[in-house]
């Protein structure tokens, strides 16, 4: 849930990026794959818009995704 809130915080940046680049960030799709725990697909989708080391926000988003993926792997 925290990850989702953090992703929503970055939504404004994605909207601006979409306007500048002509790419469209589908927040609903992103939310769905996060909630379903499809972590590889989540990272692949996100990487179309930002790379891990692009800025401090990207680093934080990838960190949170990978942290959640790790925690879920521990539960299995």
Protein backbone atom coordinates (compact mmCIF):
# COMPACT_ATOMS: atom_id res chain seq x y z
CA UNK A 1 0.00 0.00 0.00
CA UNK A 2 2.83 2.39 0.82
CA UNK A 3 4.33 1.64 -2.58
CA UNK A 4 1.07 2.56 -4.25
CA UNK A 5 0.91 5.88 -2.42
CA UNK A 6 4.48 6.64 -3.41
CA UNK A 7 3.72 5.80 -7.04
CA UNK A 8 0.76 8.18 -6.99
CA UNK A 9 3.08 10.89 -5.74
CA UNK A 10 5.14 10.46 -8.92
CA UNK A 11 2.08 10.51 -11.17
CA UNK A 12 2.43 14.26 -11.86
CA UNK A 13 5.93 13.64 -13.17
CA UNK A 14 4.63 10.89 -15.45
CA UNK A 15 1.93 13.18 -16.80
CA UNK A 16 4.52 15.86 -17.57
CA UNK A 17 6.78 13.25 -19.14
CA UNK A 18 3.88 12.03 -21.27
CA UNK A 19 3.20 15.50 -22.58
CA UNK A 20 6.86 16.12 -23.36
CA UNK A 21 7.63 12.74 -24.91
CA UNK A 22 4.33 11.74 -26.45
CA UNK A 23 4.32 8.58 -24.32
CA UNK A 24 1.35 7.81 -22.11
CA UNK A 25 1.80 6.36 -18.62
CA UNK A 26 -1.21 4.19 -17.81
CA UNK A 27 -1.52 4.50 -14.04
CA UNK A 28 -4.42 2.02 -13.87
CA UNK A 29 -2.38 -0.65 -15.66
CA UNK A 30 0.63 0.09 -13.46
CA UNK A 31 -1.52 -0.12 -10.33
CA UNK A 32 -2.99 -3.45 -11.47
CA UNK A 33 0.37 -5.12 -12.09
CA UNK A 34 1.73 -3.81 -8.78
CA UNK A 35 -1.27 -5.12 -6.84
CA UNK A 36 -1.00 -8.47 -8.62
CA UNK A 37 2.67 -8.72 -7.68
CA UNK A 38 3.90 -9.01 -11.26
CA UNK A 39 7.24 -7.43 -10.37
CA UNK A 40 9.21 -8.17 -13.54
CA UNK A 41 6.42 -6.74 -15.67
CA UNK A 42 6.21 -3.74 -13.35
CA UNK A 43 9.90 -2.98 -13.74
CA UNK A 44 9.76 -3.49 -17.50
CA UNK A 45 6.84 -1.08 -17.82
CA UNK A 46 8.47 1.50 -15.58
CA UNK A 47 11.77 1.24 -17.46
CA UNK A 48 10.04 2.57 -20.60
CA UNK A 49 9.62 5.87 -18.76
CA UNK A 50 12.57 6.13 -16.40
CA UNK A 51 15.75 4.24 -15.66
CA UNK A 52 16.95 3.37 -12.17
CA UNK A 53 19.67 6.01 -12.00
CA UNK A 54 17.82 8.83 -13.81
CA UNK A 55 17.06 10.77 -10.63
CA UNK A 56 16.42 10.33 -6.92
CA UNK A 57 12.73 9.59 -7.51
CA UNK A 58 13.51 6.78 -9.93
CA UNK A 59 15.99 5.29 -7.51
CA UNK A 60 13.35 5.35 -4.76
CA UNK A 61 10.64 3.80 -6.96
CA UNK A 62 12.85 0.95 -8.12
CA UNK A 63 14.09 0.41 -4.58
CA UNK A 64 10.53 0.12 -3.25
CA UNK A 65 9.53 -2.27 -6.05
CA UNK A 66 12.51 -4.51 -5.45
CA UNK A 67 12.04 -4.38 -1.69
CA UNK A 68 8.43 -5.53 -2.02
CA UNK A 69 9.49 -8.28 -4.44
CA UNK A 70 12.08 -9.44 -1.90
CA UNK A 71 9.61 -9.40 1.02
CA UNK A 72 7.10 -11.44 -0.96
CA UNK A 73 9.80 -13.94 -1.88
CA UNK A 74 10.59 -14.39 1.83
CA UNK A 75 6.96 -15.24 2.57
CA UNK A 76 6.87 -18.18 0.18
